[in-house]
Amino acid sequence: MDAKMDIKAPRGVRDILPDESWKWAYVLDAVAKTMADFGHSEIHLPIFEQTELFSRGVGDTTDIVEKEMYTFVDRGDRSITLRPEATAGMVRAAIEHGLCEQNASAKLWCWGPMFRYERPQKGRYRQFFQIDAESLGLAGPVADVEIIALSAEIFRRLGLKNLEVVLNSVGCPNCRPLYRQKLIDHFSARKGELCETCLGRLERNPLRLLDCKKPECGAIADAAPPIYESLCEECAAHFEEVKAGLTRLNFSYKTDKRLVRGLDYYTKTAYEILSGDLGAQNAVCGGGRYDNLSESVGGPHLPGVGFAAGIDRIVLVMEQQGSAFGKRPGAEIYVAAQDDSGRCPEARSAAQVLTHSLRMAGIAAEQDAGDSLKGARAFKAQMKSASGSGAGWLCVLGPSELAQGAVTVKNLQSGEQFSIALQDALQGRGPWGRRPCSRQAE
């Protein structure tokens, strides 16, 4: 009696099964092409880093560092953290390998799993997958506009609709202290109405008060003074040029004084792209500028701007909107052996050789693998497998085909059937179109 396995995936993580993984491949293909068109090179980062990279870079008063990081001590007594985001690791790699030395800039992108211990919900997991793009060493507003345009172009190519670009400035270390104090004064006056989380943020991270989703706190945040009145001359000019650049490129956007980023390293531009199909947690992309991140982790001054987008959420929105994912990968040709219940092993051997030859010719092919040493399954069962495989063509090899040096070919959509030379099929030639051949009479 088989024992039932009771080990399951941990809460907040999931398996990306074949029914979905092909959609991810479609998304990543489109992302890679768009990144290349915008001059971004792919980089692969470690899944874990020294904890200090995130505590110093992301900020020790952020929810990520305080509540959400997966941190452990390794055998060398070092504190290690599974990466909760990619930007800090991207900057670390650029500094460590000198990618931006001598006034050079680097445009990079990566994708992969990130880890945060947070409440699982629709489109959010504790192991989640993100696309991340960064422009390092570029301080001007043109780079901000380009990053926003890059993220928007990825979604355009994927066919997403009902999206909105939301923009704000979060200032810089020169002007943010003034705004920080204005927020403290504003929210302190209504301290008794704040939720427990916001009370904790009031002194430690007051900008995050603007991001609270609870209605009672949101109403207070709506009445808060806008940061635009507190921006220094440089930040104000930068923000105006970002808006002008987006207008120049015919991008529609709206400004939102409550848009802040949850990470300490952001300066100046902050933006999100929102979907109307995700409910309250409706951001499919978020990013902005972070000119002081490098220095906070012990590196040189290295301005940067970038964005991150969750693959889980992109696929979810595409499914909800009925977006196309292209053709699902699968067999183009199914090869069947008609061996009369094991009495024609030559047909099984020829089918194996033909399947391999088609694959070597770059044609996706599948075959009946047989039942151990008993030979191929019944021909009727093979026909059923062929119909369910999604293949467009069926190739049949049996005693009569081998005697004639031929292959019977059937179009599984139209039902049309004819023969071609076995030698042509072994060279990848056939009605499937890549390398045409001559038909033979039935």
Protein backbone atom coordinates (compact mmCIF):
# COMPACT_ATOMS: atom_id res chain seq x y z
CA MET A 1 0.00 0.00 0.00
CA ASP A 2 1.41 3.36 -1.03
CA ALA A 3 2.05 5.82 1.80
CA LYS A 4 0.58 9.27 1.21
CA MET A 5 3.20 12.00 1.41
CA ASP A 6 2.16 14.72 3.83
CA ILE A 7 5.00 17.15 3.06
CA LYS A 8 3.74 20.20 1.20
CA ALA A 9 5.24 23.49 0.07
CA PRO A 10 5.57 25.99 2.95
CA ARG A 11 2.90 28.66 3.39
CA GLY A 12 3.44 31.62 1.08
CA VAL A 13 5.36 29.80 -1.65
CA ARG A 14 4.12 27.86 -4.63
CA ASP A 15 5.19 25.67 -7.52
CA ILE A 16 5.11 27.24 -10.97
CA LEU A 17 3.66 24.32 -12.91
CA PRO A 18 3.89 23.70 -16.68
CA ASP A 19 0.42 25.16 -17.24
CA GLU A 20 1.82 28.53 -16.09
CA SER A 21 5.58 28.33 -16.62
CA TRP A 22 5.27 28.68 -20.39
CA LYS A 23 3.52 32.01 -19.81
CA TRP A 24 6.47 33.13 -17.68
CA ALA A 25 8.82 32.19 -20.51
CA TYR A 26 6.76 34.33 -22.89
CA VAL A 27 6.92 37.31 -20.50
CA LEU A 28 10.66 36.94 -19.93
CA ASP A 29 11.33 36.68 -23.68
CA ALA A 30 9.51 39.99 -24.20
CA VAL A 31 11.34 41.55 -21.24
CA ALA A 32 14.77 40.44 -22.49
CA LYS A 33 14.12 41.86 -25.96
CA THR A 34 12.85 45.18 -24.58
CA MET A 35 15.78 45.48 -22.16
CA ALA A 36 18.21 44.94 -25.03
CA ASP A 37 16.43 47.57 -27.12
CA PHE A 38 16.93 50.05 -24.26
CA GLY A 39 20.60 49.12 -23.84
CA HIS A 40 20.33 47.10 -20.60
CA SER A 41 22.62 44.07 -20.14
CA GLU A 42 21.58 41.06 -18.08
CA ILE A 43 23.32 40.27 -14.79
CA HIS A 44 22.79 37.34 -12.40
CA LEU A 45 23.04 38.11 -8.68
CA PRO A 46 23.39 35.84 -5.61
CA ILE A 47 20.16 34.82 -3.90
CA PHE A 48 21.68 35.68 -0.50
CA GLU A 49 23.88 38.56 0.61
CA GLN A 50 25.42 39.85 3.81
CA THR A 51 22.61 41.14 6.01
CA GLU A 52 24.36 44.49 6.39
CA LEU A 53 23.82 45.25 2.70
CA PHE A 54 20.07 45.41 3.30
CA SER A 55 20.02 46.84 6.83
CA ARG A 56 22.25 49.74 5.74
CA GLY A 57 20.99 50.12 2.18
CA VAL A 58 17.26 49.42 2.42
CA GLY A 59 17.01 51.08 5.86
CA ASP A 60 16.70 49.64 9.35
CA THR A 61 13.37 51.43 9.96
CA THR A 62 11.65 49.90 6.93
CA ASP A 63 9.11 47.09 7.22
CA ILE A 64 11.40 44.90 5.10
CA VAL A 65 14.30 45.07 7.55
CA GLU A 66 12.20 45.15 10.72
CA LYS A 67 9.68 42.43 9.90
CA GLU A 68 10.11 40.73 6.55
CA MET A 69 13.69 39.56 5.97
CA TYR A 70 14.67 35.90 6.01
CA THR A 71 17.94 36.14 7.97
CA PHE A 72 20.11 33.38 9.40
CA VAL A 73 23.63 32.84 10.75
CA ASP A 74 25.74 30.51 8.61
CA ARG A 75 28.43 28.08 9.74
CA GLY A 76 31.02 30.83 9.58
CA ASP A 77 29.01 32.83 12.12
CA ARG A 78 28.08 35.38 9.43
CA SER A 79 24.63 36.98 9.25
CA ILE A 80 23.17 36.14 5.84
CA THR A 81 19.86 37.28 4.34
CA LEU A 82 17.87 35.92 1.42
CA ARG A 83 17.52 38.91 -0.86
CA PRO A 84 14.25 40.83 -0.30
CA GLU A 85 14.93 43.00 -3.38
CA ALA A 86 17.56 43.31 -6.10
CA THR A 87 18.61 46.98 -6.23
CA ALA A 88 21.03 46.83 -3.29
CA GLY A 89 22.68 43.72 -4.73
CA MET A 90 22.91 45.37 -8.15
CA VAL A 91 24.71 48.39 -6.66
CA ARG A 92 26.97 46.11 -4.63
CA ALA A 93 27.95 44.19 -7.77
CA ALA A 94 28.62 47.40 -9.72
CA ILE A 95 30.91 48.71 -6.96
CA GLU A 96 32.66 45.39 -6.36
CA HIS A 97 33.44 44.83 -10.05
CA GLY A 98 34.13 48.44 -10.99
CA LEU A 99 31.35 48.65 -13.56
CA CYS A 100 31.00 52.43 -13.13
CA GLU A 101 34.62 53.50 -12.59
CA GLN A 102 36.10 56.53 -14.38
CA ASN A 103 32.70 58.20 -14.86
CA ALA A 104 31.29 55.18 -16.71
CA SER A 105 27.64 54.24 -16.45
CA ALA A 106 26.02 50.81 -16.43
CA LYS A 107 22.53 49.82 -17.53
CA LEU A 108 21.72 46.42 -16.05
CA TRP A 109 18.77 44.09 -15.53
CA CYS A 110 18.07 40.81 -13.81
CA TRP A 111 15.22 38.55 -12.79
CA GLY A 112 14.78 35.91 -10.15
CA PRO A 113 13.31 35.01 -6.76
CA MET A 114 13.10 37.46 -3.85
CA PHE A 115 12.05 36.59 -0.31
CA ARG A 116 9.93 38.51 2.20
CA TYR A 117 8.01 37.23 5.19
CA GLU A 118 4.69 38.97 4.70
CA ARG A 119 1.04 37.99 4.65
CA PRO A 120 0.33 36.00 1.47
CA GLN A 121 -2.46 37.46 -0.65
CA LYS A 122 -3.56 37.64 -4.26
CA GLY A 123 -0.48 38.07 -6.42
CA ARG A 124 1.86 38.22 -3.38
CA TYR A 125 4.01 35.39 -2.08
CA ARG A 126 6.86 34.97 0.40
CA GLN A 127 9.02 33.73 -2.42
CA PHE A 128 8.16 35.95 -5.36
CA PHE A 129 9.83 36.64 -8.67
CA GLN A 130 10.82 40.07 -9.89
CA ILE A 131 12.22 41.74 -12.96
CA ASP A 132 14.64 44.49 -11.97
CA ALA A 133 16.29 47.16 -14.16
CA GLU A 134 18.80 49.77 -13.05
CA SER A 135 20.67 52.66 -14.69
CA LEU A 136 23.77 53.38 -12.58
CA GLY A 137 26.05 56.39 -12.78
CA LEU A 138 23.39 58.59 -14.43
CA ALA A 139 22.17 61.56 -12.38
CA GLY A 140 20.07 63.52 -14.89
CA PRO A 141 16.28 63.40 -15.34
CA VAL A 142 16.64 61.90 -18.83
CA ALA A 143 17.60 58.60 -17.15
CA ASP A 144 14.45 58.75 -14.99
CA VAL A 145 12.27 59.26 -18.05
CA GLU A 146 14.02 56.42 -19.86
CA ILE A 147 13.45 53.99 -16.96
CA ILE A 148 9.75 54.89 -16.81
CA ALA A 149 9.51 54.51 -20.59
CA LEU A 150 11.28 51.13 -20.43
CA SER A 151 8.86 49.71 -17.88
CA ALA A 152 5.85 51.08 -19.78
CA GLU A 153 7.15 49.65 -23.06
CA ILE A 154 7.49 46.17 -21.55
CA PHE A 155 3.83 46.27 -20.56
CA ARG A 156 2.82 47.69 -23.95
CA ARG A 157 4.56 44.83 -25.76
CA LEU A 158 2.85 42.33 -23.47
CA GLY A 159 -0.52 43.80 -24.40
CA LEU A 160 -1.50 45.05 -20.93
CA LYS A 161 -4.33 47.56 -20.79
CA ASN A 162 -5.93 49.83 -18.20
CA LEU A 163 -2.56 50.94 -16.81
CA GLU A 164 -1.72 54.27 -15.22
CA VAL A 165 1.66 55.95 -14.52
CA VAL A 166 1.69 57.70 -11.12
CA LEU A 167 4.54 60.06 -10.29
CA ASN A 168 5.93 61.92 -7.29
CA SER A 169 9.16 63.33 -5.88
CA VAL A 170 10.43 62.33 -2.43
CA GLY A 171 13.08 65.04 -2.33
CA CYS A 172 16.66 64.55 -1.16
CA PRO A 173 18.64 64.74 2.11
CA ASN A 174 18.80 68.52 1.72
CA CYS A 175 15.06 69.18 1.55
CA ARG A 176 13.50 66.08 3.06
CA PRO A 177 14.19 67.02 6.73
CA LEU A 178 11.98 70.10 6.33
CA TYR A 179 9.17 68.03 4.85
CA ARG A 180 9.69 65.29 7.43
CA GLN A 181 9.05 67.81 10.20
CA LYS A 182 5.93 69.12 8.46
CA LEU A 183 4.57 65.58 8.34
CA ILE A 184 5.38 64.97 12.01
CA ASP A 185 3.58 68.18 12.95
CA HIS A 186 0.56 67.35 10.79
CA PHE A 187 0.11 63.77 11.98
CA SER A 188 0.97 64.53 15.63
CA ALA A 189 -1.98 66.90 15.76
CA ARG A 190 -4.26 63.90 15.07
CA LYS A 191 -2.18 61.27 16.83
CA GLY A 192 -5.17 59.73 18.57
CA GLU A 193 -6.72 58.78 15.23
CA LEU A 194 -3.71 56.89 13.85
CA CYS A 195 -3.46 53.11 13.60
CA GLU A 196 -0.82 51.27 15.61
CA THR A 197 1.50 50.90 12.60
CA CYS A 198 1.38 54.62 11.82
CA LEU A 199 2.05 55.50 15.46
CA GLY A 200 5.26 53.53 15.18
CA ARG A 201 6.21 55.32 11.96
CA LEU A 202 5.50 58.81 13.26
CA GLU A 203 9.01 59.45 14.57
CA ARG A 204 11.00 56.74 12.80
CA ASN A 205 9.79 56.93 9.18
CA PRO A 206 7.10 59.63 8.79
CA LEU A 207 7.06 59.50 4.96
CA ARG A 208 5.52 56.03 5.24
CA LEU A 209 2.51 57.59 6.97
CA LEU A 210 1.41 58.73 3.52
CA ASP A 211 1.31 55.12 2.34
CA CYS A 212 -1.12 53.70 4.91
CA LYS A 213 -4.08 51.95 3.27
CA LYS A 214 -6.42 52.18 6.29
CA PRO A 215 -9.27 54.66 5.63
CA GLU A 216 -8.89 56.58 8.89
CA CYS A 217 -5.17 57.16 8.31
CA GLY A 218 -5.71 57.77 4.58
CA ALA A 219 -8.04 60.67 5.30
CA ILE A 220 -5.38 62.31 7.49
CA ALA A 221 -2.73 61.67 4.82
CA ASP A 222 -4.94 63.27 2.15
CA ALA A 223 -4.91 66.48 4.18
CA ALA A 224 -1.12 66.43 4.69
CA PRO A 225 0.95 69.19 3.06
CA PRO A 226 2.39 68.18 -0.35
CA ILE A 227 6.13 67.69 -0.65
CA TYR A 228 6.26 70.01 -3.68
CA GLU A 229 6.17 73.03 -1.38
CA SER A 230 9.31 71.77 0.42
CA LEU A 231 11.51 70.65 -2.48
CA CYS A 232 14.89 72.32 -2.85
CA GLU A 233 15.67 74.09 -6.10
CA GLU A 234 17.55 71.12 -7.55
CA CYS A 235 14.85 68.55 -6.71
CA ALA A 236 12.08 70.83 -8.00
CA ALA A 237 13.91 71.38 -11.30
CA HIS A 238 14.60 67.65 -11.63
CA PHE A 239 10.93 66.80 -11.05
CA GLU A 240 9.73 69.38 -13.59
CA GLU A 241 12.10 68.03 -16.23
CA VAL A 242 10.96 64.45 -15.60
CA LYS A 243 7.37 65.54 -16.16
CA ALA A 244 8.36 67.52 -19.24
CA GLY A 245 10.24 64.51 -20.62
CA LEU A 246 7.25 62.23 -20.19
CA THR A 247 5.04 64.79 -21.92
CA ARG A 248 7.61 65.06 -24.70
CA LEU A 249 7.34 61.30 -25.27
CA ASN A 250 3.52 61.43 -25.19
CA PHE A 251 3.18 59.57 -21.89
CA SER A 252 0.09 60.29 -19.85
CA TYR A 253 0.66 60.32 -16.10
CA LYS A 254 -0.72 61.78 -12.91
CA THR A 255 1.09 63.11 -9.85
CA ASP A 256 0.21 61.81 -6.40
CA LYS A 257 1.58 63.53 -3.31
CA ARG A 258 0.95 60.35 -1.29
CA LEU A 259 3.15 58.15 -3.46
CA VAL A 260 6.26 57.24 -1.50
CA ARG A 261 8.58 54.27 -1.71
CA GLY A 262 8.94 51.91 1.22
CA LEU A 263 12.74 51.87 1.07
CA ASP A 264 15.02 54.50 2.59
CA TYR A 265 17.37 54.77 -0.36
CA TYR A 266 14.96 56.62 -2.70
CA THR A 267 15.60 60.27 -3.63
CA LYS A 268 13.79 62.58 -6.04
CA THR A 269 11.68 60.60 -8.53
CA ALA A 270 9.30 57.91 -7.30
CA TYR A 271 6.77 56.25 -9.59
CA GLU A 272 4.43 53.31 -9.98
CA ILE A 273 2.48 51.77 -12.81
CA LEU A 274 -0.95 50.70 -11.57
CA SER A 275 -3.46 48.23 -12.93
CA GLY A 276 -7.18 48.65 -12.47
CA ASP A 277 -7.52 44.86 -12.34
CA LEU A 278 -5.70 44.11 -9.08
CA GLY A 279 -7.90 45.73 -6.46
CA ALA A 280 -6.26 47.61 -3.58
CA GLN A 281 -2.80 46.11 -4.13
CA ASN A 282 -2.75 47.34 -7.71
CA ALA A 283 0.88 48.18 -8.53
CA VAL A 284 2.47 46.07 -11.27
CA CYS A 285 5.69 48.09 -11.21
CA GLY A 286 7.43 50.48 -8.85
CA GLY A 287 10.66 52.40 -8.96
CA GLY A 288 12.51 55.66 -8.84
CA ARG A 289 15.83 57.34 -8.14
CA TYR A 290 18.30 56.45 -5.36
CA ASP A 291 21.37 58.70 -5.57
CA ASN A 292 22.68 57.89 -2.07
CA LEU A 293 22.32 54.11 -1.88
CA SER A 294 25.94 53.40 -2.86
CA GLU A 295 27.33 55.66 -0.14
CA SER A 296 25.03 54.14 2.50
CA VAL A 297 26.63 50.72 1.92
CA GLY A 298 30.18 52.09 1.94
CA GLY A 299 30.70 52.75 -1.76
CA PRO A 300 31.49 55.89 -3.75
CA HIS A 301 28.82 58.34 -4.86
CA LEU A 302 26.91 56.46 -7.56
CA PRO A 303 23.57 57.90 -8.66
CA GLY A 304 21.01 55.45 -9.92
CA VAL A 305 17.43 55.00 -11.05
CA GLY A 306 15.49 51.81 -11.65
CA PHE A 307 12.33 49.77 -11.22
CA ALA A 308 11.11 46.34 -10.18
CA ALA A 309 8.06 44.45 -11.44
CA GLY A 310 6.63 41.17 -10.16
CA ILE A 311 6.33 38.40 -12.71
CA ASP A 312 3.52 36.74 -10.72
CA ARG A 313 1.50 39.97 -10.93
CA ILE A 314 2.24 40.60 -14.61
CA VAL A 315 0.98 37.12 -15.54
CA LEU A 316 -2.05 37.56 -13.28
CA VAL A 317 -3.04 40.83 -14.95
CA MET A 318 -2.47 39.38 -18.43
CA GLU A 319 -4.73 36.43 -17.60
CA GLN A 320 -7.44 38.70 -16.20
CA GLN A 321 -7.29 40.92 -19.29
CA GLY A 322 -7.25 38.00 -21.72
CA SER A 323 -3.83 38.96 -23.10
CA ALA A 324 -2.15 36.63 -25.59
CA PHE A 325 0.84 34.57 -24.47
CA GLY A 326 1.76 33.32 -27.92
CA LYS A 327 1.71 29.64 -28.82
CA ARG A 328 2.29 27.22 -25.98
CA PRO A 329 5.48 25.22 -26.63
CA GLY A 330 4.90 21.59 -27.46
CA ALA A 331 5.42 18.85 -29.99
CA GLU A 332 5.07 19.86 -33.60
CA ILE A 333 5.14 16.23 -34.76
CA TYR A 334 4.01 13.07 -33.00
CA VAL A 335 5.70 9.87 -34.19
CA ALA A 336 3.77 6.61 -33.81
CA ALA A 337 4.97 3.04 -34.36
CA GLN A 338 2.48 0.50 -35.73
CA ASP A 339 4.21 -2.68 -34.60
CA ASP A 340 1.30 -5.14 -34.43
CA SER A 341 1.47 -5.77 -30.66
CA GLY A 342 5.21 -6.21 -30.55
CA ARG A 343 5.63 -8.23 -33.73
CA CYS A 344 7.43 -5.41 -35.59
CA PRO A 345 10.25 -4.11 -33.38
CA GLU A 346 11.79 -2.53 -36.49
CA ALA A 347 8.93 -0.01 -36.53
CA ARG A 348 9.66 1.00 -32.93
CA SER A 349 13.35 1.38 -33.71
CA ALA A 350 12.64 3.44 -36.83
CA ALA A 351 10.23 5.66 -34.85
CA GLN A 352 12.91 6.28 -32.23
CA VAL A 353 15.45 7.22 -34.92
CA LEU A 354 12.96 9.47 -36.73
CA THR A 355 11.98 11.29 -33.52
CA HIS A 356 15.63 11.94 -32.69
CA SER A 357 16.40 13.10 -36.25
CA LEU A 358 13.50 15.55 -36.23
CA ARG A 359 14.69 17.00 -32.91
CA MET A 360 18.22 17.34 -34.26
CA ALA A 361 16.73 19.30 -37.18
CA GLY A 362 15.20 21.76 -34.70
CA ILE A 363 11.66 20.37 -34.93
CA ALA A 364 9.82 19.61 -31.68
CA ALA A 365 8.87 15.93 -31.85
CA GLU A 366 7.33 13.43 -29.43
CA GLN A 367 7.03 9.65 -29.61
CA ASP A 368 5.39 6.79 -27.80
CA ALA A 369 7.96 5.59 -25.27
CA GLY A 370 6.48 2.09 -25.08
CA ASP A 371 5.68 0.00 -22.03
CA SER A 372 8.99 -1.32 -20.66
CA LEU A 373 10.04 -4.29 -22.83
CA LYS A 374 6.60 -5.02 -24.23
CA GLY A 375 6.90 -2.68 -27.17
CA ALA A 376 4.77 0.27 -28.22
CA ARG A 377 1.28 0.74 -26.86
CA ALA A 378 -1.68 -0.19 -28.98
CA PHE A 379 -1.91 1.97 -32.10
CA LYS A 380 -5.31 3.31 -30.99
CA ALA A 381 -3.78 4.51 -27.69
CA GLN A 382 -0.98 6.20 -29.59
CA MET A 383 -3.50 8.01 -31.79
CA LYS A 384 -5.25 9.26 -28.67
CA SER A 385 -1.94 10.57 -27.30
CA ALA A 386 -1.19 12.23 -30.62
CA SER A 387 -4.54 14.04 -30.61
CA GLY A 388 -4.00 15.28 -27.05
CA SER A 389 -0.37 16.31 -27.58
CA GLY A 390 -1.16 19.53 -29.42
CA ALA A 391 1.00 18.42 -32.34
CA GLY A 392 0.04 19.57 -35.79
CA TRP A 393 1.36 16.51 -37.59
CA LEU A 394 1.39 12.74 -37.10
CA CYS A 395 4.08 10.49 -38.58
CA VAL A 396 3.30 6.76 -38.68
CA LEU A 397 5.85 4.01 -39.22
CA GLY A 398 4.68 0.42 -39.61
CA PRO A 399 5.61 -2.67 -41.63
CA SER A 400 4.19 -1.33 -44.89
CA GLU A 401 5.93 2.05 -44.51
CA LEU A 402 9.28 0.38 -43.78
CA ALA A 403 8.88 -1.88 -46.79
CA GLN A 404 8.31 1.19 -49.01
CA GLY A 405 10.94 3.41 -47.34
CA ALA A 406 8.15 5.87 -46.53
CA VAL A 407 6.38 7.61 -43.68
CA THR A 408 2.61 8.11 -43.51
CA VAL A 409 1.97 11.74 -42.58
CA LYS A 410 -1.36 13.10 -41.31
CA ASN A 411 -2.39 16.69 -40.71
CA LEU A 412 -4.10 16.46 -37.32
CA GLN A 413 -6.15 19.61 -37.97
CA SER A 414 -7.48 18.96 -41.47
CA GLY A 415 -7.29 15.15 -41.45
CA GLU A 416 -5.43 15.13 -44.79
CA GLN A 417 -3.13 12.09 -45.08
CA PHE A 418 -0.34 11.14 -47.53
CA SER A 419 3.14 9.60 -47.65
CA ILE A 420 6.62 11.08 -47.92
CA ALA A 421 10.01 9.43 -48.29
CA LEU A 422 11.49 8.25 -44.99
CA GLN A 423 14.85 9.71 -46.01
CA ASP A 424 13.27 13.15 -46.42
CA ALA A 425 11.67 12.92 -42.96
CA LEU A 426 15.00 11.85 -41.40
CA GLN A 427 16.51 15.06 -42.80
CA GLY A 428 13.71 17.18 -41.34
CA ARG A 429 12.00 17.62 -44.70
CA GLY A 430 8.23 17.49 -44.69
CA PRO A 431 4.94 19.34 -45.11
CA TRP A 432 5.53 21.11 -41.79
CA GLY A 433 7.14 23.77 -43.97
CA ARG A 434 10.75 24.32 -42.98
CA ARG A 435 12.26 22.09 -45.66
CA PRO A 436 9.58 20.97 -48.13
CA CYS A 437 9.60 17.58 -49.78
CA SER A 438 7.70 15.70 -52.49
CA ARG A 439 4.63 13.72 -51.59
CA GLN A 440 4.28 10.11 -52.62
CA ALA A 441 1.17 8.41 -53.83
CA GLU A 442 -0.78 6.46 -51.22
